[in-house]
Amino acid sequence: MNIKDLFKKIANIGDLSTLKTSKKDTLVNAVNEVKDGLSNTTEISDTTTTTTSTWSSQKISTELGNATPSDYEQVKADVEKLKSDVGTARTNLINSVNSTIDNL
């Protein structure tokens, strides 16, 4: 078997149409698609908190373990305040829409 035939045989291992990628013309393009997708994932970083990174599960567990009862009470109060603010905003929006309709 010559080298050209060997490369053809290697290139045709498996049925490319069964790949779960959108690029099925070559194995290299399919692998590159997977790599590109992986490069768009969220980074795990225990030292920074950004919109493109997250803490590790160990860091999250540690931080939750460090939370005090007053921290939980503050979160509960913040959630209740948020619910109230959303309710007020909803009521104001409905009143504004009704007023606009009445003035038509």
PDB file of N, CA and C in Angstrom:
ATOM      1  N   MET A   1       0.862  -1.168   0.000  1.00  0.00           N
ATOM      2  CA  MET A   1       0.000   0.000   0.000  1.00  0.00           C
ATOM      3  C   MET A   1       0.911   1.234   0.000  1.00  0.00           C
ATOM      4  N   ASN A   2       0.617   2.170  -0.915  1.00  0.00           N
ATOM      5  CA  ASN A   2       1.416   3.395  -0.953  1.00  0.00           C
ATOM      6  C   ASN A   2       0.883   4.406   0.059  1.00  0.00           C
ATOM      7  N   ILE A   3       1.638   5.470   0.294  1.00  0.00           N
ATOM      8  CA  ILE A   3       1.299   6.458   1.308  1.00  0.00           C
ATOM      9  C   ILE A   3      -0.013   7.170   1.012  1.00  0.00           C
ATOM     10  N   LYS A   4      -0.273   7.438  -0.275  1.00  0.00           N
ATOM     11  CA  LYS A   4      -1.517   8.118  -0.662  1.00  0.00           C
ATOM     12  C   LYS A   4      -2.729   7.267  -0.296  1.00  0.00           C
ATOM     13  N   ASP A   5      -2.659   5.984  -0.574  1.00  0.00           N
ATOM     14  CA  ASP A   5      -3.756   5.079  -0.228  1.00  0.00           C
ATOM     15  C   ASP A   5      -3.935   4.972   1.286  1.00  0.00           C
ATOM     16  N   LEU A   6      -2.816   4.993   2.009  1.00  0.00           N
ATOM     17  CA  LEU A   6      -2.879   4.935   3.455  1.00  0.00           C
ATOM     18  C   LEU A   6      -3.597   6.161   4.017  1.00  0.00           C
ATOM     19  N   PHE A   7      -3.259   7.355   3.508  1.00  0.00           N
ATOM     20  CA  PHE A   7      -3.929   8.576   3.968  1.00  0.00           C
ATOM     21  C   PHE A   7      -5.416   8.555   3.634  1.00  0.00           C
ATOM     22  N   LYS A   8      -5.772   8.045   2.472  1.00  0.00           N
ATOM     23  CA  LYS A   8      -7.195   7.936   2.110  1.00  0.00           C
ATOM     24  C   LYS A   8      -7.921   7.018   3.089  1.00  0.00           C
ATOM     25  N   LYS A   9      -7.271   5.912   3.416  1.00  0.00           N
ATOM     26  CA  LYS A   9      -7.891   4.955   4.326  1.00  0.00           C
ATOM     27  C   LYS A   9      -8.088   5.585   5.718  1.00  0.00           C
ATOM     28  N   ILE A  10      -7.082   6.288   6.210  1.00  0.00           N
ATOM     29  CA  ILE A  10      -7.184   6.941   7.512  1.00  0.00           C
ATOM     30  C   ILE A  10      -8.263   8.016   7.486  1.00  0.00           C
ATOM     31  N   ALA A  11      -8.326   8.774   6.387  1.00  0.00           N
ATOM     32  CA  ALA A  11      -9.298   9.862   6.277  1.00  0.00           C
ATOM     33  C   ALA A  11     -10.728   9.359   6.249  1.00  0.00           C
ATOM     34  N   ASN A  12     -10.929   8.127   5.843  1.00  0.00           N
ATOM     35  CA  ASN A  12     -12.275   7.591   5.711  1.00  0.00           C
ATOM     36  C   ASN A  12     -12.671   6.651   6.848  1.00  0.00           C
ATOM     37  N   ILE A  13     -11.976   6.740   7.965  1.00  0.00           N
ATOM     38  CA  ILE A  13     -12.340   5.907   9.113  1.00  0.00           C
ATOM     39  C   ILE A  13     -13.685   6.395   9.645  1.00  0.00           C
ATOM     40  N   GLY A  14     -14.624   5.531   9.724  1.00  0.00           N
ATOM     41  CA  GLY A  14     -15.947   5.897  10.214  1.00  0.00           C
ATOM     42  C   GLY A  14     -16.760   6.609   9.148  1.00  0.00           C
ATOM     43  N   ASP A  15     -18.042   6.740   9.406  1.00  0.00           N
ATOM     44  CA  ASP A  15     -18.963   7.414   8.494  1.00  0.00           C
ATOM     45  C   ASP A  15     -19.104   8.869   8.952  1.00  0.00           C
ATOM     46  N   LEU A  16     -18.506   9.792   8.200  1.00  0.00           N
ATOM     47  CA  LEU A  16     -18.514  11.198   8.595  1.00  0.00           C
ATOM     48  C   LEU A  16     -19.927  11.762   8.718  1.00  0.00           C
ATOM     49  N   SER A  17     -20.874  11.195   7.992  1.00  0.00           N
ATOM     50  CA  SER A  17     -22.248  11.719   8.060  1.00  0.00           C
ATOM     51  C   SER A  17     -22.895  11.485   9.430  1.00  0.00           C
ATOM     52  N   THR A  18     -22.313  10.586  10.230  1.00  0.00           N
ATOM     53  CA  THR A  18     -22.882  10.316  11.554  1.00  0.00           C
ATOM     54  C   THR A  18     -22.298  11.213  12.644  1.00  0.00           C
ATOM     55  N   LEU A  19     -21.375  12.106  12.270  1.00  0.00           N
ATOM     56  CA  LEU A  19     -20.830  13.039  13.256  1.00  0.00           C
ATOM     57  C   LEU A  19     -21.936  13.923  13.804  1.00  0.00           C
ATOM     58  N   LYS A  20     -21.833  14.305  15.061  1.00  0.00           N
ATOM     59  CA  LYS A  20     -22.824  15.177  15.705  1.00  0.00           C
ATOM     60  C   LYS A  20     -22.479  16.651  15.524  1.00  0.00           C
ATOM     61  N   THR A  21     -21.605  16.962  14.584  1.00  0.00           N
ATOM     62  CA  THR A  21     -21.211  18.344  14.284  1.00  0.00           C
ATOM     63  C   THR A  21     -21.901  18.787  13.004  1.00  0.00           C
ATOM     64  N   SER A  22     -21.934  20.089  12.773  1.00  0.00           N
ATOM     65  CA  SER A  22     -22.526  20.568  11.521  1.00  0.00           C
ATOM     66  C   SER A  22     -21.546  20.425  10.364  1.00  0.00           C
ATOM     67  N   LYS A  23     -20.253  20.423  10.653  1.00  0.00           N
ATOM     68  CA  LYS A  23     -19.223  20.253   9.619  1.00  0.00           C
ATOM     69  C   LYS A  23     -18.864  18.779   9.530  1.00  0.00           C
ATOM     70  N   LYS A  24     -19.253  18.161   8.421  1.00  0.00           N
ATOM     71  CA  LYS A  24     -19.051  16.726   8.265  1.00  0.00           C
ATOM     72  C   LYS A  24     -18.183  16.397   7.056  1.00  0.00           C
ATOM     73  N   ASP A  25     -17.654  17.437   6.361  1.00  0.00           N
ATOM     74  CA  ASP A  25     -16.905  17.176   5.137  1.00  0.00           C
ATOM     75  C   ASP A  25     -15.559  16.502   5.404  1.00  0.00           C
ATOM     76  N   THR A  26     -14.898  16.875   6.504  1.00  0.00           N
ATOM     77  CA  THR A  26     -13.648  16.212   6.891  1.00  0.00           C
ATOM     78  C   THR A  26     -13.607  16.091   8.407  1.00  0.00           C
ATOM     79  N   LEU A  27     -12.827  15.146   8.851  1.00  0.00           N
ATOM     80  CA  LEU A  27     -12.665  14.951  10.283  1.00  0.00           C
ATOM     81  C   LEU A  27     -11.977  16.158  10.913  1.00  0.00           C
ATOM     82  N   VAL A  28     -11.042  16.763  10.188  1.00  0.00           N
ATOM     83  CA  VAL A  28     -10.344  17.946  10.696  1.00  0.00           C
ATOM     84  C   VAL A  28     -11.331  19.090  10.929  1.00  0.00           C
ATOM     85  N   ASN A  29     -12.223  19.343   9.980  1.00  0.00           N
ATOM     86  CA  ASN A  29     -13.209  20.412  10.162  1.00  0.00           C
ATOM     87  C   ASN A  29     -14.148  20.126  11.329  1.00  0.00           C
ATOM     88  N   ALA A  30     -14.517  18.869  11.507  1.00  0.00           N
ATOM     89  CA  ALA A  30     -15.386  18.508  12.630  1.00  0.00           C
ATOM     90  C   ALA A  30     -14.671  18.727  13.959  1.00  0.00           C
ATOM     91  N   VAL A  31     -13.409  18.314  14.041  1.00  0.00           N
ATOM     92  CA  VAL A  31     -12.638  18.516  15.268  1.00  0.00           C
ATOM     93  C   VAL A  31     -12.457  20.004  15.534  1.00  0.00           C
ATOM     94  N   ASN A  32     -12.180  20.786  14.510  1.00  0.00           N
ATOM     95  CA  ASN A  32     -12.032  22.233  14.686  1.00  0.00           C
ATOM     96  C   ASN A  32     -13.323  22.872  15.176  1.00  0.00           C
ATOM     97  N   GLU A  33     -14.462  22.383  14.702  1.00  0.00           N
ATOM     98  CA  GLU A  33     -15.744  22.907  15.175  1.00  0.00           C
ATOM     99  C   GLU A  33     -15.907  22.642  16.672  1.00  0.00           C
ATOM    100  N   VAL A  34     -15.540  21.462  17.105  1.00  0.00           N
ATOM    101  CA  VAL A  34     -15.619  21.128  18.533  1.00  0.00           C
ATOM    102  C   VAL A  34     -14.676  22.027  19.323  1.00  0.00           C
ATOM    103  N   LYS A  35     -13.448  22.198  18.830  1.00  0.00           N
ATOM    104  CA  LYS A  35     -12.470  23.048  19.514  1.00  0.00           C
ATOM    105  C   LYS A  35     -12.977  24.488  19.620  1.00  0.00           C
ATOM    106  N   ASP A  36     -13.530  25.021  18.524  1.00  0.00           N
ATOM    107  CA  ASP A  36     -14.061  26.385  18.556  1.00  0.00           C
ATOM    108  C   ASP A  36     -15.179  26.514  19.575  1.00  0.00           C
ATOM    109  N   GLY A  37     -16.015  25.497  19.664  1.00  0.00           N
ATOM    110  CA  GLY A  37     -17.096  25.514  20.649  1.00  0.00           C
ATOM    111  C   GLY A  37     -16.573  25.488  22.069  1.00  0.00           C
ATOM    112  N   LEU A  38     -15.517  24.741  22.303  1.00  0.00           N
ATOM    113  CA  LEU A  38     -14.942  24.661  23.642  1.00  0.00           C
ATOM    114  C   LEU A  38     -14.272  25.969  24.042  1.00  0.00           C
ATOM    115  N   SER A  39     -13.751  26.699  23.075  1.00  0.00           N
ATOM    116  CA  SER A  39     -13.076  27.954  23.420  1.00  0.00           C
ATOM    117  C   SER A  39     -14.074  29.035  23.821  1.00  0.00           C
ATOM    118  N   ASN A  40     -15.366  28.807  23.588  1.00  0.00           N
ATOM    119  CA  ASN A  40     -16.400  29.776  23.960  1.00  0.00           C
ATOM    120  C   ASN A  40     -17.071  29.430  25.281  1.00  0.00           C
ATOM    121  N   THR A  41     -16.468  28.549  26.048  1.00  0.00           N
ATOM    122  CA  THR A  41     -17.066  28.140  27.314  1.00  0.00           C
ATOM    123  C   THR A  41     -16.656  29.090  28.435  1.00  0.00           C
ATOM    124  N   THR A  42     -17.325  28.977  29.544  1.00  0.00           N
ATOM    125  CA  THR A  42     -17.048  29.817  30.707  1.00  0.00           C
ATOM    126  C   THR A  42     -15.805  29.323  31.428  1.00  0.00           C
ATOM    127  N   GLU A  43     -14.983  30.259  31.844  1.00  0.00           N
ATOM    128  CA  GLU A  43     -13.759  29.946  32.566  1.00  0.00           C
ATOM    129  C   GLU A  43     -14.057  29.798  34.057  1.00  0.00           C
ATOM    130  N   ILE A  44     -13.400  28.832  34.687  1.00  0.00           N
ATOM    131  CA  ILE A  44     -13.528  28.680  36.135  1.00  0.00           C
ATOM    132  C   ILE A  44     -12.375  29.433  36.784  1.00  0.00           C
ATOM    133  N   SER A  45     -12.727  30.367  37.657  1.00  0.00           N
ATOM    134  CA  SER A  45     -11.716  31.173  38.332  1.00  0.00           C
ATOM    135  C   SER A  45     -12.183  31.486  39.741  1.00  0.00           C
ATOM    136  N   ASP A  46     -11.398  31.084  40.717  1.00  0.00           N
ATOM    137  CA  ASP A  46     -11.747  31.355  42.110  1.00  0.00           C
ATOM    138  C   ASP A  46     -11.260  32.721  42.573  1.00  0.00           C
ATOM    139  N   THR A  47     -10.547  33.437  41.700  1.00  0.00           N
ATOM    140  CA  THR A  47     -10.000  34.742  42.099  1.00  0.00           C
ATOM    141  C   THR A  47     -10.769  35.912  41.506  1.00  0.00           C
ATOM    142  N   THR A  48     -11.560  35.668  40.479  1.00  0.00           N
ATOM    143  CA  THR A  48     -12.324  36.761  39.870  1.00  0.00           C
ATOM    144  C   THR A  48     -13.767  36.335  39.670  1.00  0.00           C
ATOM    145  N   THR A  49     -14.640  37.309  39.609  1.00  0.00           N
ATOM    146  CA  THR A  49     -16.040  37.060  39.305  1.00  0.00           C
ATOM    147  C   THR A  49     -16.418  38.005  38.178  1.00  0.00           C
ATOM    148  N   THR A  50     -16.655  37.447  37.014  1.00  0.00           N
ATOM    149  CA  THR A  50     -17.027  38.243  35.843  1.00  0.00           C
ATOM    150  C   THR A  50     -18.172  37.553  35.120  1.00  0.00           C
ATOM    151  N   THR A  51     -18.632  38.163  34.037  1.00  0.00           N
ATOM    152  CA  THR A  51     -19.706  37.548  33.255  1.00  0.00           C
ATOM    153  C   THR A  51     -19.196  36.383  32.404  1.00  0.00           C
ATOM    154  N   THR A  52     -17.874  36.208  32.324  1.00  0.00           N
ATOM    155  CA  THR A  52     -17.319  35.107  31.532  1.00  0.00           C
ATOM    156  C   THR A  52     -16.588  34.079  32.387  1.00  0.00           C
ATOM    157  N   SER A  53     -16.708  34.199  33.709  1.00  0.00           N
ATOM    158  CA  SER A  53     -16.059  33.221  34.579  1.00  0.00           C
ATOM    159  C   SER A  53     -16.995  32.853  35.727  1.00  0.00           C
ATOM    160  N   THR A  54     -16.684  31.745  36.346  1.00  0.00           N
ATOM    161  CA  THR A  54     -17.472  31.275  37.488  1.00  0.00           C
ATOM    162  C   THR A  54     -16.535  30.672  38.522  1.00  0.00           C
ATOM    163  N   TRP A  55     -16.982  30.574  39.752  1.00  0.00           N
ATOM    164  CA  TRP A  55     -16.196  29.918  40.788  1.00  0.00           C
ATOM    165  C   TRP A  55     -16.280  28.407  40.618  1.00  0.00           C
ATOM    166  N   SER A  56     -15.288  27.714  41.137  1.00  0.00           N
ATOM    167  CA  SER A  56     -15.329  26.253  41.164  1.00  0.00           C
ATOM    168  C   SER A  56     -16.356  25.815  42.202  1.00  0.00           C
ATOM    169  N   SER A  57     -16.766  24.571  42.119  1.00  0.00           N
ATOM    170  CA  SER A  57     -17.740  24.070  43.094  1.00  0.00           C
ATOM    171  C   SER A  57     -17.162  24.116  44.511  1.00  0.00           C
ATOM    172  N   GLN A  58     -15.864  23.899  44.650  1.00  0.00           N
ATOM    173  CA  GLN A  58     -15.235  23.957  45.970  1.00  0.00           C
ATOM    174  C   GLN A  58     -15.307  25.375  46.531  1.00  0.00           C
ATOM    175  N   LYS A  59     -15.040  26.397  45.689  1.00  0.00           N
ATOM    176  CA  LYS A  59     -15.098  27.793  46.137  1.00  0.00           C
ATOM    177  C   LYS A  59     -16.534  28.165  46.517  1.00  0.00           C
ATOM    178  N   ILE A  60     -17.497  27.739  45.716  1.00  0.00           N
ATOM    179  CA  ILE A  60     -18.906  28.025  46.022  1.00  0.00           C
ATOM    180  C   ILE A  60     -19.281  27.404  47.363  1.00  0.00           C
ATOM    181  N   SER A  61     -18.880  26.146  47.566  1.00  0.00           N
ATOM    182  CA  SER A  61     -19.184  25.457  48.815  1.00  0.00           C
ATOM    183  C   SER A  61     -18.542  26.177  49.998  1.00  0.00           C
ATOM    184  N   THR A  62     -17.293  26.608  49.830  1.00  0.00           N
ATOM    185  CA  THR A  62     -16.593  27.332  50.906  1.00  0.00           C
ATOM    186  C   THR A  62     -17.311  28.631  51.234  1.00  0.00           C
ATOM    187  N   GLU A  63     -17.680  29.393  50.206  1.00  0.00           N
ATOM    188  CA  GLU A  63     -18.340  30.676  50.423  1.00  0.00           C
ATOM    189  C   GLU A  63     -19.705  30.492  51.087  1.00  0.00           C
ATOM    190  N   LEU A  64     -20.445  29.473  50.664  1.00  0.00           N
ATOM    191  CA  LEU A  64     -21.733  29.205  51.308  1.00  0.00           C
ATOM    192  C   LEU A  64     -21.535  28.773  52.753  1.00  0.00           C
ATOM    193  N   GLY A  65     -20.461  28.015  53.004  1.00  0.00           N
ATOM    194  CA  GLY A  65     -20.155  27.593  54.364  1.00  0.00           C
ATOM    195  C   GLY A  65     -19.769  28.762  55.259  1.00  0.00           C
ATOM    196  N   ASN A  66     -19.218  29.819  54.652  1.00  0.00           N
ATOM    197  CA  ASN A  66     -18.821  31.006  55.415  1.00  0.00           C
ATOM    198  C   ASN A  66     -19.989  31.963  55.667  1.00  0.00           C
ATOM    199  N   ALA A  67     -21.096  31.723  54.988  1.00  0.00           N
ATOM    200  CA  ALA A  67     -22.248  32.620  55.150  1.00  0.00           C
ATOM    201  C   ALA A  67     -22.826  32.481  56.552  1.00  0.00           C
ATOM    202  N   THR A  68     -23.233  33.593  57.082  1.00  0.00           N
ATOM    203  CA  THR A  68     -23.822  33.610  58.427  1.00  0.00           C
ATOM    204  C   THR A  68     -25.340  33.665  58.305  1.00  0.00           C
ATOM    205  N   PRO A  69     -26.058  33.376  59.385  1.00  0.00           N
ATOM    206  CA  PRO A  69     -27.520  33.501  59.338  1.00  0.00           C
ATOM    207  C   PRO A  69     -27.967  34.907  58.918  1.00  0.00           C
ATOM    208  N   SER A  70     -27.215  35.921  59.326  1.00  0.00           N
ATOM    209  CA  SER A  70     -27.621  37.282  58.929  1.00  0.00           C
ATOM    210  C   SER A  70     -27.459  37.491  57.423  1.00  0.00           C
ATOM    211  N   ASP A  71     -26.478  36.796  56.803  1.00  0.00           N
ATOM    212  CA  ASP A  71     -26.334  36.862  55.341  1.00  0.00           C
ATOM    213  C   ASP A  71     -27.589  36.312  54.675  1.00  0.00           C
ATOM    214  N   TYR A  72     -28.062  35.173  55.176  1.00  0.00           N
ATOM    215  CA  TYR A  72     -29.260  34.561  54.603  1.00  0.00           C
ATOM    216  C   TYR A  72     -30.485  35.452  54.825  1.00  0.00           C
ATOM    217  N   GLU A  73     -30.563  36.057  55.980  1.00  0.00           N
ATOM    218  CA  GLU A  73     -31.679  36.971  56.265  1.00  0.00           C
ATOM    219  C   GLU A  73     -31.634  38.178  55.333  1.00  0.00           C
ATOM    220  N   GLN A  74     -30.424  38.670  55.047  1.00  0.00           N
ATOM    221  CA  GLN A  74     -30.288  39.808  54.135  1.00  0.00           C
ATOM    222  C   GLN A  74     -30.724  39.419  52.724  1.00  0.00           C
ATOM    223  N   VAL A  75     -30.339  38.229  52.278  1.00  0.00           N
ATOM    224  CA  VAL A  75     -30.760  37.755  50.952  1.00  0.00           C
ATOM    225  C   VAL A  75     -32.273  37.635  50.906  1.00  0.00           C
ATOM    226  N   LYS A  76     -32.855  37.067  51.957  1.00  0.00           N
ATOM    227  CA  LYS A  76     -34.309  36.926  52.024  1.00  0.00           C
ATOM    228  C   LYS A  76     -34.989  38.299  51.960  1.00  0.00           C
ATOM    229  N   ALA A  77     -34.454  39.278  52.691  1.00  0.00           N
ATOM    230  CA  ALA A  77     -35.015  40.631  52.673  1.00  0.00           C
ATOM    231  C   ALA A  77     -34.856  41.263  51.289  1.00  0.00           C
ATOM    232  N   ASP A  78     -33.706  41.034  50.656  1.00  0.00           N
ATOM    233  CA  ASP A  78     -33.472  41.575  49.315  1.00  0.00           C
ATOM    234  C   ASP A  78     -34.446  40.992  48.297  1.00  0.00           C
ATOM    235  N   VAL A  79     -34.723  39.700  48.416  1.00  0.00           N
ATOM    236  CA  VAL A  79     -35.673  39.049  47.512  1.00  0.00           C
ATOM    237  C   VAL A  79     -37.070  39.621  47.718  1.00  0.00           C
ATOM    238  N   GLU A  80     -37.473  39.801  48.966  1.00  0.00           N
ATOM    239  CA  GLU A  80     -38.793  40.368  49.251  1.00  0.00           C
ATOM    240  C   GLU A  80     -38.903  41.795  48.716  1.00  0.00           C
ATOM    241  N   LYS A  81     -37.835  42.583  48.864  1.00  0.00           N
ATOM    242  CA  LYS A  81     -37.818  43.958  48.342  1.00  0.00           C
ATOM    243  C   LYS A  81     -37.930  43.940  46.819  1.00  0.00           C
ATOM    244  N   LEU A  82     -37.207  43.027  46.190  1.00  0.00           N
ATOM    245  CA  LEU A  82     -37.269  42.899  44.736  1.00  0.00           C
ATOM    246  C   LEU A  82     -38.680  42.534  44.283  1.00  0.00           C
ATOM    247  N   LYS A  83     -39.314  41.595  44.987  1.00  0.00           N
ATOM    248  CA  LYS A  83     -40.699  41.236  44.655  1.00  0.00           C
ATOM    249  C   LYS A  83     -41.610  42.454  44.757  1.00  0.00           C
ATOM    250  N   SER A  84     -41.441  43.226  45.808  1.00  0.00           N
ATOM    251  CA  SER A  84     -42.257  44.418  46.007  1.00  0.00           C
ATOM    252  C   SER A  84     -42.013  45.435  44.892  1.00  0.00           C
ATOM    253  N   ASP A  85     -40.740  45.657  44.549  1.00  0.00           N
ATOM    254  CA  ASP A  85     -40.402  46.615  43.498  1.00  0.00           C
ATOM    255  C   ASP A  85     -40.975  46.191  42.148  1.00  0.00           C
ATOM    256  N   VAL A  86     -40.918  44.894  41.861  1.00  0.00           N
ATOM    257  CA  VAL A  86     -41.472  44.388  40.601  1.00  0.00           C
ATOM    258  C   VAL A  86     -42.981  44.564  40.598  1.00  0.00           C
ATOM    259  N   GLY A  87     -43.626  44.285  41.719  1.00  0.00           N
ATOM    260  CA  GLY A  87     -45.070  44.464  41.827  1.00  0.00           C
ATOM    261  C   GLY A  87     -45.474  45.911  41.624  1.00  0.00           C
ATOM    262  N   THR A  88     -44.716  46.826  42.224  1.00  0.00           N
ATOM    263  CA  THR A  88     -44.991  48.258  42.065  1.00  0.00           C
ATOM    264  C   THR A  88     -44.794  48.688  40.622  1.00  0.00           C
ATOM    265  N   ALA A  89     -43.718  48.234  40.010  1.00  0.00           N
ATOM    266  CA  ALA A  89     -43.455  48.581  38.611  1.00  0.00           C
ATOM    267  C   ALA A  89     -44.555  48.047  37.704  1.00  0.00           C
ATOM    268  N   ARG A  90     -45.024  46.823  37.993  1.00  0.00           N
ATOM    269  CA  ARG A  90     -46.105  46.227  37.199  1.00  0.00           C
ATOM    270  C   ARG A  90     -47.371  47.063  37.332  1.00  0.00           C
ATOM    271  N   THR A  91     -47.719  47.430  38.548  1.00  0.00           N
ATOM    272  CA  THR A  91     -48.916  48.249  38.786  1.00  0.00           C
ATOM    273  C   THR A  91     -48.806  49.588  38.079  1.00  0.00           C
ATOM    274  N   ASN A  92     -47.646  50.227  38.165  1.00  0.00           N
ATOM    275  CA  ASN A  92     -47.440  51.515  37.497  1.00  0.00           C
ATOM    276  C   ASN A  92     -47.564  51.382  35.989  1.00  0.00           C
ATOM    277  N   LEU A  93     -47.045  50.304  35.437  1.00  0.00           N
ATOM    278  CA  LEU A  93     -47.134  50.076  33.996  1.00  0.00           C
ATOM    279  C   LEU A  93     -48.582  49.880  33.562  1.00  0.00           C
ATOM    280  N   ILE A  94     -49.328  49.083  34.316  1.00  0.00           N
ATOM    281  CA  ILE A  94     -50.741  48.853  33.993  1.00  0.00           C
ATOM    282  C   ILE A  94     -51.509  50.164  34.062  1.00  0.00           C
ATOM    283  N   ASN A  95     -51.272  50.946  35.103  1.00  0.00           N
ATOM    284  CA  ASN A  95     -51.956  52.237  35.228  1.00  0.00           C
ATOM    285  C   ASN A  95     -51.607  53.176  34.077  1.00  0.00           C
ATOM    286  N   SER A  96     -50.361  53.161  33.673  1.00  0.00           N
ATOM    287  CA  SER A  96     -49.926  54.013  32.564  1.00  0.00           C
ATOM    288  C   SER A  96     -50.583  53.591  31.253  1.00  0.00           C
ATOM    289  N   VAL A  97     -50.644  52.285  31.008  1.00  0.00           N
ATOM    290  CA  VAL A  97     -51.289  51.774  29.794  1.00  0.00           C
ATOM    291  C   VAL A  97     -52.773  52.123  29.805  1.00  0.00           C
ATOM    292  N   ASN A  98     -53.430  51.910  30.945  1.00  0.00           N
ATOM    293  CA  ASN A  98     -54.861  52.239  31.051  1.00  0.00           C
ATOM    294  C   ASN A  98     -55.101  53.722  30.830  1.00  0.00           C
ATOM    295  N   SER A  99     -54.250  54.577  31.377  1.00  0.00           N
ATOM    296  CA  SER A  99     -54.384  56.015  31.198  1.00  0.00           C
ATOM    297  C   SER A  99     -54.205  56.395  29.739  1.00  0.00           C
ATOM    298  N   THR A 100     -53.239  55.774  29.095  1.00  0.00           N
ATOM    299  CA  THR A 100     -53.005  56.061  27.666  1.00  0.00           C
ATOM    300  C   THR A 100     -54.199  55.641  26.846  1.00  0.00           C
ATOM    301  N   ILE A 101     -54.768  54.478  27.141  1.00  0.00           N
ATOM    302  CA  ILE A 101     -55.942  53.998  26.408  1.00  0.00           C
ATOM    303  C   ILE A 101     -57.130  54.939  26.645  1.00  0.00           C
ATOM    304  N   ASP A 102     -57.306  55.363  27.883  1.00  0.00           N
ATOM    305  CA  ASP A 102     -58.412  56.287  28.209  1.00  0.00           C
ATOM    306  C   ASP A 102     -58.286  57.604  27.452  1.00  0.00           C
ATOM    307  N   ASN A 103     -57.069  58.034  27.181  1.00  0.00           N
ATOM    308  CA  ASN A 103     -56.848  59.305  26.510  1.00  0.00           C
ATOM    309  C   ASN A 103     -56.886  59.210  24.992  1.00  0.00           C
ATOM    310  N   LEU A 104     -57.142  58.035  24.458  1.00  0.00           N
ATOM    311  CA  LEU A 104     -57.212  57.870  22.997  1.00  0.00           C
ATOM    312  C   LEU A 104     -58.529  58.371  22.445  1.00  0.00           C
TER     313      LEU A 104
END
